[in-house]
Amino acid sequence: MRIKKADEMEIYENKQAAKNSFLFYTAALLLWTLYDFIVKGQRGIEFLILMIGTAIFFWTRVYYKRKAHK
C-alpha cells in the first residue's frame, strides 16, 4: 500500500484543523487553570501542560522559520 503525497487542499485543511485544535486545547487548559486558581488558590498540572504545549509550538515555529531562511 502506497501513501500518496498530500495536495495543496489537504495541506491547507490539515493546517486549519491543527490551528483550531491548538486554539481549543489552549483555551480549555487556560480556563481550567483559571478556575483552579480562583477556587483552590493554586495552579494544577493543567498549567504545566499548557506552558509546555505553548513552548513547543513557538519553538517549533522558530526552528522552521530559521530553517526556511538558510
C-alpha atoms as a PDB file:
ATOM      1  CA  MET A   1       0.000   0.000   0.000  1.00  0.00           C
ATOM      2  CA  ARG A   2       1.417   3.360  -1.035  1.00  0.00           C
ATOM      3  CA  ILE A   3       0.834   6.573   0.820  1.00  0.00           C
ATOM      4  CA  LYS A   4       0.020   9.386  -1.564  1.00  0.00           C
ATOM      5  CA  LYS A   5       1.516  12.806  -1.093  1.00  0.00           C
ATOM      6  CA  ALA A   6      -0.918  15.426   0.184  1.00  0.00           C
ATOM      7  CA  ASP A   7      -2.065  18.008  -2.325  1.00  0.00           C
ATOM      8  CA  GLU A   8      -2.385  21.730  -1.582  1.00  0.00           C
ATOM      9  CA  MET A   9      -6.002  21.458  -0.427  1.00  0.00           C
ATOM     10  CA  GLU A  10      -5.227  18.651   2.018  1.00  0.00           C
ATOM     11  CA  ILE A  11      -2.249  20.574   3.363  1.00  0.00           C
ATOM     12  CA  TYR A  12      -4.455  23.644   3.873  1.00  0.00           C
ATOM     13  CA  GLU A  13      -7.184  21.587   5.573  1.00  0.00           C
ATOM     14  CA  ASN A  14      -4.675  19.918   7.908  1.00  0.00           C
ATOM     15  CA  LYS A  15      -3.145  23.290   8.767  1.00  0.00           C
ATOM     16  CA  GLN A  16      -6.580  24.742   9.623  1.00  0.00           C
ATOM     17  CA  ALA A  17      -7.505  21.672  11.693  1.00  0.00           C
ATOM     18  CA  ALA A  18      -4.220  21.848  13.623  1.00  0.00           C
ATOM     19  CA  LYS A  19      -4.707  25.565  14.263  1.00  0.00           C
ATOM     20  CA  ASN A  20      -8.256  25.095  15.513  1.00  0.00           C
ATOM     21  CA  SER A  21      -7.221  22.173  17.731  1.00  0.00           C
ATOM     22  CA  PHE A  22      -4.354  24.173  19.217  1.00  0.00           C
ATOM     23  CA  LEU A  23      -6.669  27.092  19.967  1.00  0.00           C
ATOM     24  CA  PHE A  24      -9.256  24.817  21.585  1.00  0.00           C
ATOM     25  CA  TYR A  25      -6.765  22.986  23.813  1.00  0.00           C
ATOM     26  CA  THR A  26      -5.073  26.229  24.778  1.00  0.00           C
ATOM     27  CA  ALA A  27      -8.371  27.895  25.710  1.00  0.00           C
ATOM     28  CA  ALA A  28      -9.616  24.814  27.598  1.00  0.00           C
ATOM     29  CA  LEU A  29      -6.405  24.475  29.619  1.00  0.00           C
ATOM     30  CA  LEU A  30      -6.315  28.212  30.308  1.00  0.00           C
ATOM     31  CA  LEU A  31      -9.901  28.214  31.583  1.00  0.00           C
ATOM     32  CA  TRP A  32      -9.217  25.126  33.700  1.00  0.00           C
ATOM     33  CA  THR A  33      -6.113  26.788  35.146  1.00  0.00           C
ATOM     34  CA  LEU A  34      -8.011  29.981  35.955  1.00  0.00           C
ATOM     35  CA  TYR A  35     -10.831  28.007  37.580  1.00  0.00           C
ATOM     36  CA  ASP A  36      -8.425  26.025  39.781  1.00  0.00           C
ATOM     37  CA  PHE A  37      -6.504  29.163  40.682  1.00  0.00           C
ATOM     38  CA  ILE A  38      -9.668  31.019  41.700  1.00  0.00           C
ATOM     39  CA  VAL A  39     -11.307  28.093  43.546  1.00  0.00           C
ATOM     40  CA  LYS A  40      -8.268  26.340  45.073  1.00  0.00           C
ATOM     41  CA  GLY A  41      -5.760  29.165  45.060  1.00  0.00           C
ATOM     42  CA  GLN A  42      -3.114  27.121  43.252  1.00  0.00           C
ATOM     43  CA  ARG A  43      -2.152  26.101  39.747  1.00  0.00           C
ATOM     44  CA  GLY A  44      -2.572  22.457  38.820  1.00  0.00           C
ATOM     45  CA  ILE A  45      -0.934  20.137  36.334  1.00  0.00           C
ATOM     46  CA  GLU A  46      -3.030  21.693  33.561  1.00  0.00           C
ATOM     47  CA  PHE A  47      -0.926  24.865  33.804  1.00  0.00           C
ATOM     48  CA  LEU A  48       2.257  22.860  33.248  1.00  0.00           C
ATOM     49  CA  ILE A  49       0.707  21.104  30.246  1.00  0.00           C
ATOM     50  CA  LEU A  50      -0.401  24.472  28.845  1.00  0.00           C
ATOM     51  CA  MET A  51       3.057  26.018  29.216  1.00  0.00           C
ATOM     52  CA  ILE A  52       4.898  23.023  27.737  1.00  0.00           C
ATOM     53  CA  GLY A  53       2.499  22.855  24.767  1.00  0.00           C
ATOM     54  CA  THR A  54       2.811  26.570  24.097  1.00  0.00           C
ATOM     55  CA  ALA A  55       6.621  26.420  24.360  1.00  0.00           C
ATOM     56  CA  ILE A  56       6.745  23.502  21.898  1.00  0.00           C
ATOM     57  CA  PHE A  57       4.507  25.402  19.485  1.00  0.00           C
ATOM     58  CA  PHE A  58       6.584  28.588  19.496  1.00  0.00           C
ATOM     59  CA  TRP A  59       9.995  26.869  19.452  1.00  0.00           C
ATOM     60  CA  THR A  60       8.851  24.740  16.514  1.00  0.00           C
ATOM     61  CA  ARG A  61       7.863  27.907  14.646  1.00  0.00           C
ATOM     62  CA  VAL A  62      11.261  29.486  15.387  1.00  0.00           C
ATOM     63  CA  TYR A  63      13.053  26.326  14.219  1.00  0.00           C
ATOM     64  CA  TYR A  64      11.206  26.108  10.903  1.00  0.00           C
ATOM     65  CA  LYS A  65      11.448  29.837  10.260  1.00  0.00           C
ATOM     66  CA  ARG A  66      15.232  29.712  10.700  1.00  0.00           C
ATOM     67  CA  LYS A  67      15.449  26.559   8.613  1.00  0.00           C
ATOM     68  CA  ALA A  68      13.495  28.212   5.779  1.00  0.00           C
ATOM     69  CA  HIS A  69      15.785  31.267   5.687  1.00  0.00           C
ATOM     70  CA  LYS A  70      19.016  29.310   5.293  1.00  0.00           C
END
